């Protein structure tokens, strides 16, 4: 017992030391444990994150039609085409409406202006429904012909009512422009083309006939020719150059206008009664709007805000002024006095003639084209009309047909690769071939459409309506003050 008592302090000391060591070891273990646990948790988290990232599906590529590409928006180009679209629309509403409205007799001013508005409405819906896809779609196999053969002559029906057009799509030849913008820009060209035709049969056509004619003509004349030249068809592939519509717009509308004038016949009293312009000032306002709008028409056809757009703009202004001057000179030689209508008609003739060449020729070539356009269009509007005795009321053929023909042919002479690389290989023979196809198709199909209109809506107003004026007889409105 005494030995145990003697050893008790040592035992207690040993127990105390053991307890201290145990506590210290436990505390150390508690401090050291979080490091590997945190590392393990972090590793699990990273693995989970990696797993989540790998299972997120990639954004699917948009489904595209044959004529489309994925849009890669070019902000500068898109801004310019937005502006150009507004400018080209300005050419018709109110530019052409006022230009034509001032040249008819007072009793037909409202009817003439209303025709431009009606054309714009009908073409817009026709373009939305089928015109765009027929002009710019990629041909599909049909009637036993393969897609490439069909593509040479007409587009497709894939984008009827703009089906398949999305916020991500672009027309393949203009991938920097959203396709909706491209459609709107091209629609303004489709609008003004049949609006130009109305000048040939002003003061004598039924409004209902005009609307039906415009609808059919847009789908079966304008859209195919547009496709041939601009939509990947056989004329563009053959090397026909038409920068902004010398053939597609002006020759096409001029020839159609001539066919319409011949088919409907002359106005009552034509050649025996005075049929002077009602309001040349109105025509001046309209012509000025046409001039400004033509900047978008020609320079906008570069599809970009670049050097080609710049030269096209300058060429447009130079040719317009040169033609206005030479028209005036010829008019003074023949009539001893220059008229405002003549000066303005010459300016428009220059605008028409430079349209196919605007982005292919240099300014010197543009001036020459303008200088020639004035006398040529004067001859077609005054002398040829008298010689053949047809009533092209507002010279749709004399200015747009003749001016477009001249400009398209001279494009083959003056086009230069120094301005546009696409000018390589330009020649008069190729241009003439393109014009021959345009003239033939426009003339024949326009005639067929007129026959359809004659046996459905009828074409001409009655003699009594024509004598009283179309403003009151067709629209119930009239000008009380000038």
Protein backbone atom coordinates (compact mmCIF):
# COMPACT_ATOMS: atom_id res chain seq x y z
CA UNK A 1 0.00 0.00 0.00
CA UNK A 2 2.75 2.35 0.90
CA UNK A 3 4.40 1.52 -2.42
CA UNK A 4 1.20 2.45 -4.33
CA UNK A 5 0.96 5.70 -2.43
CA UNK A 6 4.54 6.42 -3.21
CA UNK A 7 3.91 5.76 -6.97
CA UNK A 8 0.60 7.69 -7.11
CA UNK A 9 2.13 11.06 -8.06
CA UNK A 10 3.95 9.41 -10.97
CA UNK A 11 0.80 7.66 -12.17
CA UNK A 12 -1.20 10.89 -11.99
CA UNK A 13 1.53 12.71 -13.84
CA UNK A 14 1.53 10.01 -16.54
CA UNK A 15 -2.29 10.19 -16.89
CA UNK A 16 -2.14 13.97 -17.08
CA UNK A 17 0.54 13.80 -19.75
CA UNK A 18 -1.50 11.26 -21.70
CA UNK A 19 -4.60 13.45 -21.50
CA UNK A 20 -2.65 16.48 -22.65
CA UNK A 21 -1.15 14.58 -25.56
CA UNK A 22 -4.58 13.16 -26.51
CA UNK A 23 -6.20 16.59 -26.47
CA UNK A 24 -3.37 18.12 -28.43
CA UNK A 25 -3.55 15.33 -31.02
CA UNK A 26 -7.31 15.78 -31.35
CA UNK A 27 -6.94 19.52 -31.78
CA UNK A 28 -4.25 19.03 -34.44
CA UNK A 29 -6.43 16.54 -36.25
CA UNK A 30 -9.33 19.04 -36.25
CA UNK A 31 -7.11 21.77 -37.73
CA UNK A 32 -5.57 19.55 -40.39
CA UNK A 33 -8.76 17.88 -41.60
CA UNK A 34 -10.36 20.84 -43.50
CA UNK A 35 -7.58 21.06 -46.08
CA UNK A 36 -8.12 17.68 -47.73
CA UNK A 37 -11.90 17.99 -47.33
CA UNK A 38 -11.93 21.40 -49.06
CA UNK A 39 -9.75 20.03 -51.83
CA UNK A 40 -12.09 17.11 -52.29
CA UNK A 41 -15.14 19.38 -52.37
CA UNK A 42 -13.46 21.68 -54.91
CA UNK A 43 -12.56 18.74 -57.12
CA UNK A 44 -16.12 17.44 -57.03
CA UNK A 45 -17.46 20.91 -57.84
CA UNK A 46 -15.13 21.30 -60.82
CA UNK A 47 -16.09 17.88 -62.12
CA UNK A 48 -19.77 18.72 -61.79
CA UNK A 49 -19.26 22.01 -63.57
CA UNK A 50 -17.37 20.31 -66.37
CA UNK A 51 -20.16 17.79 -66.65
CA UNK A 52 -22.77 20.53 -66.89
CA UNK A 53 -20.77 22.39 -69.54
CA UNK A 54 -20.45 19.33 -71.69
CA UNK A 55 -24.15 18.58 -71.67
CA UNK A 56 -25.29 22.12 -72.68
CA UNK A 57 -26.29 21.73 -76.37
CA UNK A 58 -24.72 24.05 -78.95
CA UNK A 59 -27.04 26.60 -80.55
CA UNK A 60 -28.39 24.98 -83.72
CA UNK A 61 -27.49 26.56 -87.05
CA UNK A 62 -30.49 28.29 -88.65
CA UNK A 63 -32.28 26.38 -91.37
CA UNK A 64 -31.65 28.18 -94.66
CA UNK A 65 -33.39 28.17 -98.02
CA UNK A 66 -31.33 27.67 -101.15
CA UNK A 67 -30.97 31.41 -101.83
CA UNK A 68 -30.00 32.32 -98.27
CA UNK A 69 -26.88 32.73 -96.15
CA UNK A 70 -26.46 33.40 -92.44
CA UNK A 71 -26.49 37.16 -91.98
CA UNK A 72 -23.30 38.83 -90.77
CA UNK A 73 -24.58 42.35 -90.35
CA UNK A 74 -22.45 45.07 -91.90
CA UNK A 75 -23.63 48.10 -89.94
CA UNK A 76 -22.38 50.68 -92.44
CA UNK A 77 -23.86 48.89 -95.45
CA UNK A 78 -27.14 48.27 -93.66
CA UNK A 79 -27.42 51.93 -92.68
CA UNK A 80 -26.84 53.01 -96.27
CA UNK A 81 -29.38 50.56 -97.67
CA UNK A 82 -31.93 51.66 -95.08
CA UNK A 83 -31.43 55.21 -96.33
CA UNK A 84 -31.47 54.14 -99.98
CA UNK A 85 -34.73 52.25 -99.49
CA UNK A 86 -36.38 55.43 -98.26
CA UNK A 87 -34.89 57.40 -101.17
CA UNK A 88 -36.11 54.96 -103.82
CA UNK A 89 -39.59 54.89 -102.32
CA UNK A 90 -39.50 58.70 -102.45
CA UNK A 91 -39.08 58.42 -106.21
CA UNK A 92 -42.58 56.98 -106.57
CA UNK A 93 -44.34 58.53 -103.60
CA UNK A 94 -44.50 61.42 -104.06
CA UNK A 95 -41.84 62.01 -106.75
CA UNK A 96 -43.27 60.27 -109.80
CA UNK A 97 -46.85 60.95 -108.68
CA UNK A 98 -46.19 64.71 -108.74
CA UNK A 99 -44.03 64.55 -111.87
CA UNK A 100 -46.81 62.86 -113.83
CA UNK A 101 -49.57 64.76 -112.03
CA UNK A 102 -48.25 68.10 -113.22
CA UNK A 103 -48.07 67.01 -116.86
CA UNK A 104 -51.67 65.88 -117.35
CA UNK A 105 -54.70 68.11 -117.81
CA UNK A 106 -56.34 69.60 -114.74
CA UNK A 107 -59.32 67.24 -114.86
CA UNK A 108 -57.04 64.19 -114.48
CA UNK A 109 -54.49 65.28 -111.86
CA UNK A 110 -55.97 63.40 -108.90
CA UNK A 111 -56.56 60.28 -110.98
CA UNK A 112 -52.95 60.30 -112.16
CA UNK A 113 -51.55 60.72 -108.65
CA UNK A 114 -53.90 58.04 -107.34
CA UNK A 115 -52.52 55.61 -109.91
CA UNK A 116 -49.06 55.82 -108.33
CA UNK A 117 -50.51 55.16 -104.88
CA UNK A 118 -52.52 52.20 -106.16
CA UNK A 119 -49.50 50.73 -107.91
CA UNK A 120 -47.42 50.99 -104.73
CA UNK A 121 -50.08 49.18 -102.72
CA UNK A 122 -50.59 46.34 -105.20
CA UNK A 123 -46.89 45.77 -105.86
CA UNK A 124 -46.03 45.71 -102.16
CA UNK A 125 -48.45 42.86 -101.52
CA UNK A 126 -47.55 41.02 -104.73
CA UNK A 127 -43.86 41.25 -103.81
CA UNK A 128 -44.58 39.94 -100.32
CA UNK A 129 -46.72 37.09 -101.64
CA UNK A 130 -44.71 35.76 -104.57
CA UNK A 131 -42.72 38.42 -106.40
CA UNK A 132 -39.65 38.27 -104.18
CA UNK A 133 -39.21 34.52 -104.27
CA UNK A 134 -39.79 34.41 -108.05
CA UNK A 135 -37.12 37.07 -108.55
CA UNK A 136 -34.47 36.02 -106.04
CA UNK A 137 -35.23 32.42 -105.13
CA UNK A 138 -33.09 29.54 -106.38
CA UNK A 139 -34.83 27.46 -109.03
CA UNK A 140 -36.16 24.04 -108.09
CA UNK A 141 -36.65 21.01 -110.35
CA UNK A 142 -40.04 21.13 -112.08
CA UNK A 143 -41.79 19.78 -115.17
CA UNK A 144 -38.91 17.39 -115.79
CA UNK A 145 -36.25 20.13 -115.80
CA UNK A 146 -33.42 20.09 -113.28
CA UNK A 147 -32.88 22.90 -110.79
CA UNK A 148 -30.04 24.54 -112.72
CA UNK A 149 -32.14 24.80 -115.86
CA UNK A 150 -35.09 26.26 -113.98
CA UNK A 151 -32.77 28.66 -112.14
CA UNK A 152 -31.73 30.21 -115.45
CA UNK A 153 -35.24 31.51 -116.04
CA UNK A 154 -37.17 31.85 -112.78
CA UNK A 155 -36.70 31.68 -109.03
CA UNK A 156 -38.58 29.37 -106.69
CA UNK A 157 -41.74 29.17 -104.63
CA UNK A 158 -39.86 28.32 -101.43
CA UNK A 159 -40.30 31.76 -99.89
CA UNK A 160 -43.93 32.41 -100.78
CA UNK A 161 -45.31 34.98 -98.32
CA UNK A 162 -41.71 35.22 -97.06
CA UNK A 163 -41.84 31.76 -95.48
CA UNK A 164 -38.34 30.83 -94.36
CA UNK A 165 -37.15 34.42 -94.10
CA UNK A 166 -35.89 35.03 -90.54
CA UNK A 167 -33.94 37.50 -88.45
CA UNK A 168 -30.82 35.39 -89.06
CA UNK A 169 -31.10 35.08 -92.85
CA UNK A 170 -29.57 37.13 -95.65
CA UNK A 171 -29.69 36.95 -99.42
CA UNK A 172 -26.59 34.96 -100.36
CA UNK A 173 -25.17 37.66 -102.65
CA UNK A 174 -25.50 40.30 -99.91
CA UNK A 175 -24.65 38.52 -96.62
CA UNK A 176 -24.00 41.79 -94.80
CA UNK A 177 -27.64 42.89 -95.12
CA UNK A 178 -30.53 41.39 -93.14
CA UNK A 179 -32.84 39.71 -95.63
CA UNK A 180 -35.85 41.73 -94.53
CA UNK A 181 -33.94 44.89 -95.45
CA UNK A 182 -32.91 43.40 -98.79
CA UNK A 183 -36.53 42.53 -99.54
CA UNK A 184 -37.69 46.06 -98.74
CA UNK A 185 -34.95 47.64 -100.86
CA UNK A 186 -35.76 45.48 -103.88
CA UNK A 187 -39.48 46.05 -103.36
CA UNK A 188 -39.04 49.79 -103.98
CA UNK A 189 -37.57 48.97 -107.41
CA UNK A 190 -40.51 46.68 -108.12
CA UNK A 191 -42.89 49.50 -107.15
CA UNK A 192 -41.52 52.21 -109.41
CA UNK A 193 -41.28 50.02 -112.53
CA UNK A 194 -45.03 49.57 -113.23
CA UNK A 195 -45.61 53.08 -111.88
CA UNK A 196 -43.52 54.34 -114.80
CA UNK A 197 -45.74 52.40 -117.21
CA UNK A 198 -48.78 54.42 -116.10
CA UNK A 199 -47.44 57.48 -117.91
CA UNK A 200 -48.12 55.81 -121.25
CA UNK A 201 -51.88 55.38 -120.75
CA UNK A 202 -52.61 58.36 -118.51
CA UNK A 203 -56.05 59.99 -118.76
CA UNK A 204 -57.89 57.00 -120.24
CA UNK A 205 -57.55 53.74 -118.26
CA UNK A 206 -59.96 52.32 -115.70
CA UNK A 207 -58.62 52.24 -112.16
CA UNK A 208 -59.73 48.64 -111.68
CA UNK A 209 -57.90 47.65 -114.86
CA UNK A 210 -54.78 49.42 -113.62
CA UNK A 211 -54.76 47.44 -110.38
CA UNK A 212 -55.25 44.08 -112.11
CA UNK A 213 -52.65 44.94 -114.74
CA UNK A 214 -50.14 45.93 -112.06
CA UNK A 215 -50.60 42.71 -110.09
CA UNK A 216 -50.15 40.44 -113.10
CA UNK A 217 -47.36 42.51 -114.61
CA UNK A 218 -45.33 42.47 -111.38
CA UNK A 219 -45.45 38.69 -111.13
CA UNK A 220 -45.14 37.70 -114.78
CA UNK A 221 -43.04 40.47 -116.33
CA UNK A 222 -41.00 42.27 -113.69
CA UNK A 223 -40.08 39.31 -111.46
CA UNK A 224 -38.81 37.04 -114.28
CA UNK A 225 -36.71 39.78 -115.91
CA UNK A 226 -35.37 40.80 -112.50
CA UNK A 227 -34.37 37.17 -111.93
CA UNK A 228 -32.68 36.89 -115.33
CA UNK A 229 -30.40 39.84 -114.62
CA UNK A 230 -30.03 40.14 -110.83
CA UNK A 231 -31.31 36.89 -109.34
CA UNK A 232 -28.82 34.43 -110.80
CA UNK A 233 -30.56 33.96 -114.15
CA UNK A 234 -29.11 33.43 -117.59
CA UNK A 235 -28.60 37.09 -118.57
CA UNK A 236 -26.54 37.95 -115.53
CA UNK A 237 -24.56 34.72 -115.95
CA UNK A 238 -23.91 35.63 -119.60
CA UNK A 239 -22.27 38.89 -118.55
CA UNK A 240 -25.09 41.39 -119.12
CA UNK A 241 -24.34 44.46 -117.00
CA UNK A 242 -27.19 46.39 -115.42
CA UNK A 243 -26.04 48.23 -112.34
CA UNK A 244 -29.36 49.66 -111.14
CA UNK A 245 -32.06 48.81 -113.68
CA UNK A 246 -31.49 50.11 -117.19
CA UNK A 247 -33.06 46.96 -118.61
CA UNK A 248 -34.88 45.55 -115.58
CA UNK A 249 -36.66 48.83 -114.79
CA UNK A 250 -36.49 51.32 -117.66
CA UNK A 251 -36.42 49.33 -120.89
CA UNK A 252 -38.93 46.96 -119.35
CA UNK A 253 -41.35 49.73 -118.34
CA UNK A 254 -40.77 51.72 -121.53
CA UNK A 255 -41.56 48.80 -123.82
CA UNK A 256 -44.58 47.85 -121.73
CA UNK A 257 -45.74 51.46 -121.90
CA UNK A 258 -45.47 51.51 -125.67
CA UNK A 259 -47.49 48.29 -125.96
CA UNK A 260 -50.13 49.75 -123.63
CA UNK A 261 -50.33 53.00 -125.61
CA UNK A 262 -50.80 51.13 -128.87
CA UNK A 263 -53.30 48.65 -127.40
CA UNK A 264 -55.51 51.27 -125.72
CA UNK A 265 -55.32 53.77 -128.55
CA UNK A 266 -55.00 57.53 -128.34
CA UNK A 267 -56.90 59.88 -126.06
CA UNK A 268 -59.96 61.53 -127.54
CA UNK A 269 -58.87 64.67 -129.34
CA UNK A 270 -55.20 63.67 -129.46
CA UNK A 271 -53.51 65.54 -132.29
CA UNK A 272 -56.36 68.02 -132.69
CA UNK A 273 -56.83 69.43 -129.19
CA UNK A 274 -54.27 71.18 -127.02
CA UNK A 275 -53.15 68.87 -124.21
CA UNK A 276 -50.61 71.01 -122.38
CA UNK A 277 -49.24 70.22 -118.93
CA UNK A 278 -51.61 71.44 -116.24
CA UNK A 279 -48.97 72.51 -113.70
CA UNK A 280 -45.25 72.55 -114.64
CA UNK A 281 -44.38 73.68 -111.11
CA UNK A 282 -45.85 70.44 -109.74
CA UNK A 283 -43.75 68.58 -112.28
CA UNK A 284 -40.67 70.50 -111.13
CA UNK A 285 -41.25 69.42 -107.54
CA UNK A 286 -41.71 65.82 -108.64
CA UNK A 287 -38.60 65.87 -110.84
CA UNK A 288 -36.52 67.25 -107.97
CA UNK A 289 -37.70 64.43 -105.73
CA UNK A 290 -36.86 61.96 -108.49
CA UNK A 291 -33.35 63.40 -108.72
CA UNK A 292 -32.75 63.07 -104.98
CA UNK A 293 -34.33 59.63 -104.84
CA UNK A 294 -32.21 58.47 -107.77
CA UNK A 295 -29.16 58.78 -105.53
CA UNK A 296 -30.51 55.88 -103.52
CA UNK A 297 -31.56 54.10 -106.70
CA UNK A 298 -28.09 54.15 -108.27
CA UNK A 299 -25.63 54.58 -105.39
CA UNK A 300 -27.68 52.22 -103.24
CA UNK A 301 -27.21 49.52 -105.87
CA UNK A 302 -23.59 49.24 -104.75
CA UNK A 303 -25.09 47.45 -101.69
CA UNK A 304 -22.44 49.12 -99.54
CA UNK A 305 -21.19 52.53 -98.47
CA UNK A 306 -18.00 52.32 -100.51
CA UNK A 307 -16.10 53.83 -103.43
CA UNK A 308 -18.43 52.31 -106.02
CA UNK A 309 -21.39 53.97 -104.31
CA UNK A 310 -19.48 57.24 -104.43
CA UNK A 311 -18.72 57.10 -108.14
CA UNK A 312 -22.28 55.96 -108.89
CA UNK A 313 -23.63 59.00 -107.06
CA UNK A 314 -21.35 61.41 -108.93
CA UNK A 315 -22.08 59.76 -112.27
CA UNK A 316 -25.81 60.06 -111.61
CA UNK A 317 -25.65 63.81 -111.06
CA UNK A 318 -23.29 64.48 -113.98
CA UNK A 319 -25.33 62.52 -116.50
CA UNK A 320 -28.59 64.15 -115.38
CA UNK A 321 -27.24 67.66 -115.79
CA UNK A 322 -25.52 66.90 -119.11
CA UNK A 323 -28.71 65.46 -120.61
CA UNK A 324 -30.80 68.36 -119.35
CA UNK A 325 -28.45 70.75 -121.13
CA UNK A 326 -28.44 68.95 -124.48
CA UNK A 327 -32.23 68.44 -124.43
CA UNK A 328 -32.53 72.18 -123.89
CA UNK A 329 -30.20 72.91 -126.82
CA UNK A 330 -32.20 70.72 -129.21
CA UNK A 331 -35.46 72.25 -128.01
CA UNK A 332 -34.14 75.78 -128.55
CA UNK A 333 -32.97 74.87 -132.06
CA UNK A 334 -36.41 73.48 -132.94
CA UNK A 335 -38.77 75.73 -130.96
CA UNK A 336 -36.60 78.79 -130.22
CA UNK A 337 -37.43 78.58 -126.51
CA UNK A 338 -36.51 76.13 -123.74
CA UNK A 339 -39.47 74.89 -121.70
CA UNK A 340 -39.44 73.88 -118.04
CA UNK A 341 -41.04 70.54 -118.92
CA UNK A 342 -38.31 70.03 -121.53
CA UNK A 343 -35.47 70.82 -119.14
CA UNK A 344 -36.92 68.45 -116.55
CA UNK A 345 -37.56 65.71 -119.12
CA UNK A 346 -33.94 65.99 -120.24
CA UNK A 347 -32.76 65.63 -116.66
CA UNK A 348 -34.83 62.48 -116.18
CA UNK A 349 -33.54 61.14 -119.51
CA UNK A 350 -29.99 61.49 -118.21
CA UNK A 351 -30.92 59.72 -114.98
CA UNK A 352 -32.44 56.86 -116.95
CA UNK A 353 -29.47 56.50 -119.30
CA UNK A 354 -26.87 56.40 -116.53
CA UNK A 355 -28.81 53.86 -114.46
CA UNK A 356 -27.34 50.69 -116.04
CA UNK A 357 -23.85 52.21 -116.13
CA UNK A 358 -23.64 54.14 -112.85
CA UNK A 359 -21.31 51.75 -111.04
CA UNK A 360 -19.37 50.57 -114.08
CA UNK A 361 -18.17 53.77 -115.80
CA UNK A 362 -15.99 56.68 -114.73
CA UNK A 363 -17.27 60.28 -114.60
CA UNK A 364 -16.02 61.06 -118.11
CA UNK A 365 -18.08 58.19 -119.48
CA UNK A 366 -21.08 59.37 -117.46
CA UNK A 367 -20.89 62.86 -118.98
CA UNK A 368 -20.75 61.42 -122.51
CA UNK A 369 -23.73 59.17 -121.81
CA UNK A 370 -25.69 62.15 -120.51
CA UNK A 371 -24.78 64.38 -123.45
CA UNK A 372 -26.02 61.74 -125.90
CA UNK A 373 -29.14 60.88 -123.88
CA UNK A 374 -30.64 64.36 -124.16
CA UNK A 375 -31.00 64.48 -127.97
CA UNK A 376 -31.83 60.76 -128.30
CA UNK A 377 -34.69 60.91 -125.79
CA UNK A 378 -35.92 64.19 -127.26
CA UNK A 379 -36.09 62.54 -130.67
CA UNK A 380 -37.96 59.53 -129.27
CA UNK A 381 -40.39 61.67 -127.28
CA UNK A 382 -41.14 64.26 -129.96
CA UNK A 383 -40.16 63.18 -133.46
CA UNK A 384 -40.70 59.41 -133.25
CA UNK A 385 -44.08 59.84 -131.58
CA UNK A 386 -45.21 62.22 -134.31
CA UNK A 387 -43.88 59.94 -137.02
CA UNK A 388 -45.64 56.81 -135.75
CA UNK A 389 -48.66 58.72 -134.43
CA UNK A 390 -49.08 56.87 -131.14
CA UNK A 391 -50.20 58.52 -127.90
CA UNK A 392 -47.60 57.82 -125.22
CA UNK A 393 -49.19 60.40 -122.92
CA UNK A 394 -46.23 61.21 -120.67
CA UNK A 395 -43.42 59.71 -122.77
CA UNK A 396 -42.85 56.50 -120.84
CA UNK A 397 -41.24 54.95 -123.91
CA UNK A 398 -39.61 58.13 -125.20
CA UNK A 399 -37.70 58.71 -121.97
CA UNK A 400 -37.50 55.39 -120.16
CA UNK A 401 -37.51 53.00 -123.11
CA UNK A 402 -35.16 54.98 -125.34
CA UNK A 403 -33.01 56.19 -122.45
CA UNK A 404 -32.68 52.72 -121.00
CA UNK A 405 -31.75 51.22 -124.38
CA UNK A 406 -29.12 53.87 -124.97
CA UNK A 407 -27.64 53.58 -121.50
CA UNK A 408 -27.49 49.79 -121.58
CA UNK A 409 -25.68 49.77 -124.93
CA UNK A 410 -23.24 52.49 -123.89
CA UNK A 411 -22.47 50.55 -120.72
CA UNK A 412 -20.83 48.02 -123.01
CA UNK A 413 -18.70 50.84 -124.46
CA UNK A 414 -17.66 52.79 -121.36
CA UNK A 415 -17.59 50.18 -118.57
CA UNK A 416 -14.10 49.95 -117.09
CA UNK A 417 -12.42 47.66 -114.59
CA UNK A 418 -10.77 50.73 -113.10
CA UNK A 419 -14.16 51.44 -111.52
CA UNK A 420 -15.62 47.96 -111.07
CA UNK A 421 -13.99 44.59 -111.60
CA UNK A 422 -17.30 43.20 -112.85
CA UNK A 423 -16.84 45.34 -115.97
CA UNK A 424 -14.27 42.88 -117.30
CA UNK A 425 -15.55 41.49 -120.59
CA UNK A 426 -18.26 44.11 -121.06
CA UNK A 427 -19.25 44.56 -124.70
CA UNK A 428 -22.09 45.94 -126.78
CA UNK A 429 -23.06 42.57 -128.26
CA UNK A 430 -23.75 41.03 -124.85
CA UNK A 431 -25.69 44.11 -123.79
CA UNK A 432 -27.76 43.97 -127.00
CA UNK A 433 -28.56 40.31 -126.38
CA UNK A 434 -29.86 41.16 -122.91
CA UNK A 435 -31.96 43.98 -124.31
CA UNK A 436 -33.46 41.74 -126.99
CA UNK A 437 -34.65 39.25 -124.37
CA UNK A 438 -36.02 42.03 -122.17
CA UNK A 439 -37.91 43.70 -125.04
CA UNK A 440 -39.38 40.45 -126.34
CA UNK A 441 -40.60 39.18 -122.96
CA UNK A 442 -41.94 42.53 -121.83
CA UNK A 443 -43.81 43.17 -125.09
CA UNK A 444 -45.38 39.73 -125.45
CA UNK A 445 -46.43 39.19 -121.84
CA UNK A 446 -47.66 42.77 -121.47
CA UNK A 447 -49.89 42.22 -124.51
CA UNK A 448 -51.29 39.00 -122.99
CA UNK A 449 -52.01 40.77 -119.70
CA UNK A 450 -53.82 43.57 -121.51
CA UNK A 451 -56.02 41.02 -123.26
CA UNK A 452 -56.86 39.44 -119.90
CA UNK A 453 -57.74 42.85 -118.45
CA UNK A 454 -59.86 43.74 -121.47
CA UNK A 455 -62.06 40.69 -121.02
CA UNK A 456 -62.32 40.93 -117.22
CA UNK A 457 -62.33 44.47 -115.87
CA UNK A 458 -62.29 46.25 -119.22
CA UNK A 459 -59.53 48.74 -120.04
CA UNK A 460 -60.76 52.14 -121.15
CA UNK A 461 -63.13 54.50 -119.46
CA UNK A 462 -66.19 55.59 -121.44
CA UNK A 463 -66.05 58.54 -123.81
CA UNK A 464 -68.24 60.53 -121.42
CA UNK A 465 -65.93 59.81 -118.47
CA UNK A 466 -62.88 60.75 -120.49
CA UNK A 467 -64.46 64.01 -121.62
CA UNK A 468 -65.49 65.03 -118.11
CA UNK A 469 -62.23 63.91 -116.54
CA UNK A 470 -61.23 60.96 -114.40
CA UNK A 471 -60.91 62.94 -111.19
CA UNK A 472 -64.65 63.32 -110.78
CA UNK A 473 -65.92 60.31 -112.73
CA UNK A 474 -63.61 57.72 -111.14
CA UNK A 475 -62.70 59.25 -107.79
CA UNK A 476 -65.38 61.81 -107.00
CA UNK A 477 -62.80 64.50 -106.37
CA UNK A 478 -61.62 67.55 -108.24
CA UNK A 479 -59.21 70.48 -108.03
CA UNK A 480 -61.04 73.64 -107.12
CA UNK A 481 -57.92 75.74 -106.69
CA UNK A 482 -54.58 75.58 -108.44
